[in-house]
Amino acid sequence: MNDREMIPKNNGAVPAYVAAGVLVMLVLAAILLVSGVYSLDEAEQARWREKVAPILNDYVANMAQKNLPGDKFLAELQAKLAASANR
């Protein structure tokens, strides 16, 4: 079996488990940044925000399709991370 055969044939849509895994990785990265373990300059932060926005938008859309409050969860998470960064 090659790599292409392992990828589900879903017309290019990202499977929910992949999106969830990416979201978890982003949260962990944010925690490391907020805690001061890592830091990014303003330009790099802007680049990351731009690259991550479609992933977060897909997460919110996927949760909305399941009638789950992904938008509220994400907003609360972002607010908590921002509050932690301001300590």
Foldseek 3Di string as FASTA:
>chain_A
DDPVVVDDPDPPDDDPVVLVVVVVVVLVVLVCCLVPVDHDDPVVVVVVCVVCVVSLVVQCVVCVVVVHRSVVVVVVSVVVSVVSSVD
